[in-house]
Amino acid sequence: MTRYDPGIVLLVDFPFPAQTATKRRPVFLMADVDHEDIIVAQVTSHPPRGRYDLHLAVERASGHLFHT
């Protein structure tokens, strides 16, 4: 399996609840645990909706993400 550096954005196929289809969505790679497992966080354009949701913004000059 490919090794990934934490902090990159990947596209992952997420299954619908009935698992009849999938939709490709962006995720933020938090950790590459071993050759088979990674830990990711969902990326969405929705404003934070829960206690564990974070709002991220892009600094236009550098293109870096930061927590607001």
C-alpha atoms as a PDB file:
ATOM      1  CA  MET A   1       0.000   0.000   0.000  1.00  0.00           C
ATOM      2  CA  THR A   2       1.098   3.561  -0.600  1.00  0.00           C
ATOM      3  CA  ARG A   3       2.502   5.515   2.371  1.00  0.00           C
ATOM      4  CA  TYR A   4       1.058   8.994   2.915  1.00  0.00           C
ATOM      5  CA  ASP A   5       2.299  12.062   4.777  1.00  0.00           C
ATOM      6  CA  PRO A   6      -0.059  13.455   7.443  1.00  0.00           C
ATOM      7  CA  GLY A   7      -1.665  16.753   6.495  1.00  0.00           C
ATOM      8  CA  ILE A   8      -2.537  15.949   2.897  1.00  0.00           C
ATOM      9  CA  VAL A   9      -6.045  15.801   1.443  1.00  0.00           C
ATOM     10  CA  LEU A  10      -7.144  12.557  -0.216  1.00  0.00           C
ATOM     11  CA  LEU A  11     -10.287  11.568  -2.105  1.00  0.00           C
ATOM     12  CA  VAL A  12     -12.083   8.552  -0.615  1.00  0.00           C
ATOM     13  CA  ASP A  13     -15.201   6.689  -1.769  1.00  0.00           C
ATOM     14  CA  PHE A  14     -17.826   6.857   1.016  1.00  0.00           C
ATOM     15  CA  PRO A  15     -20.733   4.399   0.845  1.00  0.00           C
ATOM     16  CA  PHE A  16     -24.323   5.589   1.107  1.00  0.00           C
ATOM     17  CA  PRO A  17     -26.225   4.180   4.129  1.00  0.00           C
ATOM     18  CA  ALA A  18     -27.863   1.426   2.054  1.00  0.00           C
ATOM     19  CA  GLN A  19     -24.420   0.675   0.564  1.00  0.00           C
ATOM     20  CA  THR A  20     -25.896   0.657  -2.934  1.00  0.00           C
ATOM     21  CA  ALA A  21     -23.507   3.323  -4.208  1.00  0.00           C
ATOM     22  CA  THR A  22     -20.569   5.484  -3.149  1.00  0.00           C
ATOM     23  CA  LYS A  23     -19.637   9.123  -3.472  1.00  0.00           C
ATOM     24  CA  ARG A  24     -16.065  10.413  -3.687  1.00  0.00           C
ATOM     25  CA  ARG A  25     -15.337  12.910  -0.880  1.00  0.00           C
ATOM     26  CA  PRO A  26     -12.237  14.731   0.392  1.00  0.00           C
ATOM     27  CA  VAL A  27     -10.634  13.714   3.695  1.00  0.00           C
ATOM     28  CA  PHE A  28      -7.755  15.203   5.689  1.00  0.00           C
ATOM     29  CA  LEU A  29      -5.091  12.609   6.491  1.00  0.00           C
ATOM     30  CA  MET A  30      -4.293  12.701  10.200  1.00  0.00           C
ATOM     31  CA  ALA A  31      -2.062   9.608  10.477  1.00  0.00           C
ATOM     32  CA  ASP A  32      -0.713   6.757   8.380  1.00  0.00           C
ATOM     33  CA  VAL A  33      -0.835   4.034  11.046  1.00  0.00           C
ATOM     34  CA  ASP A  34       0.651   1.112   9.126  1.00  0.00           C
ATOM     35  CA  HIS A  35       0.687  -0.391   5.644  1.00  0.00           C
ATOM     36  CA  GLU A  36      -3.089  -1.012   5.711  1.00  0.00           C
ATOM     37  CA  ASP A  37      -4.668   1.663   7.954  1.00  0.00           C
ATOM     38  CA  ILE A  38      -4.940   5.438   7.890  1.00  0.00           C
ATOM     39  CA  ILE A  39      -6.835   7.879  10.129  1.00  0.00           C
ATOM     40  CA  VAL A  40      -8.740  10.622   8.321  1.00  0.00           C
ATOM     41  CA  ALA A  41     -11.155  13.444   9.087  1.00  0.00           C
ATOM     42  CA  GLN A  42     -14.025  14.369   6.803  1.00  0.00           C
ATOM     43  CA  VAL A  43     -13.716  17.663   4.921  1.00  0.00           C
ATOM     44  CA  THR A  44     -16.940  19.532   4.197  1.00  0.00           C
ATOM     45  CA  SER A  45     -18.092  23.008   3.230  1.00  0.00           C
ATOM     46  CA  HIS A  46     -20.802  22.930   5.936  1.00  0.00           C
ATOM     47  CA  PRO A  47     -20.258  25.152   8.972  1.00  0.00           C
ATOM     48  CA  PRO A  48     -19.388  23.281  12.190  1.00  0.00           C
ATOM     49  CA  ARG A  49     -22.450  21.341  13.393  1.00  0.00           C
ATOM     50  CA  GLY A  50     -21.155  19.416  16.369  1.00  0.00           C
ATOM     51  CA  ARG A  51     -18.840  19.673  19.312  1.00  0.00           C
ATOM     52  CA  TYR A  52     -15.990  17.918  17.481  1.00  0.00           C
ATOM     53  CA  ASP A  53     -16.302  19.850  14.198  1.00  0.00           C
ATOM     54  CA  LEU A  54     -13.611  22.434  13.457  1.00  0.00           C
ATOM     55  CA  HIS A  55     -13.784  25.404  11.143  1.00  0.00           C
ATOM     56  CA  LEU A  56     -10.709  25.573   8.902  1.00  0.00           C
ATOM     57  CA  ALA A  57      -9.766  28.497   6.715  1.00  0.00           C
ATOM     58  CA  VAL A  58      -7.147  28.911   4.009  1.00  0.00           C
ATOM     59  CA  GLU A  59      -4.623  31.703   4.335  1.00  0.00           C
ATOM     60  CA  ARG A  60      -4.715  33.188   0.850  1.00  0.00           C
ATOM     61  CA  ALA A  61      -1.093  34.372   0.788  1.00  0.00           C
ATOM     62  CA  SER A  62       0.446  30.979   1.651  1.00  0.00           C
ATOM     63  CA  GLY A  63      -2.344  28.509   0.898  1.00  0.00           C
ATOM     64  CA  HIS A  64      -1.964  26.950   4.379  1.00  0.00           C
ATOM     65  CA  LEU A  65      -4.932  25.722   6.422  1.00  0.00           C
ATOM     66  CA  PHE A  66      -5.458  27.029   9.923  1.00  0.00           C
ATOM     67  CA  HIS A  67      -8.068  26.588  12.667  1.00  0.00           C
ATOM     68  CA  THR A  68     -10.186  29.662  13.386  1.00  0.00           C
END
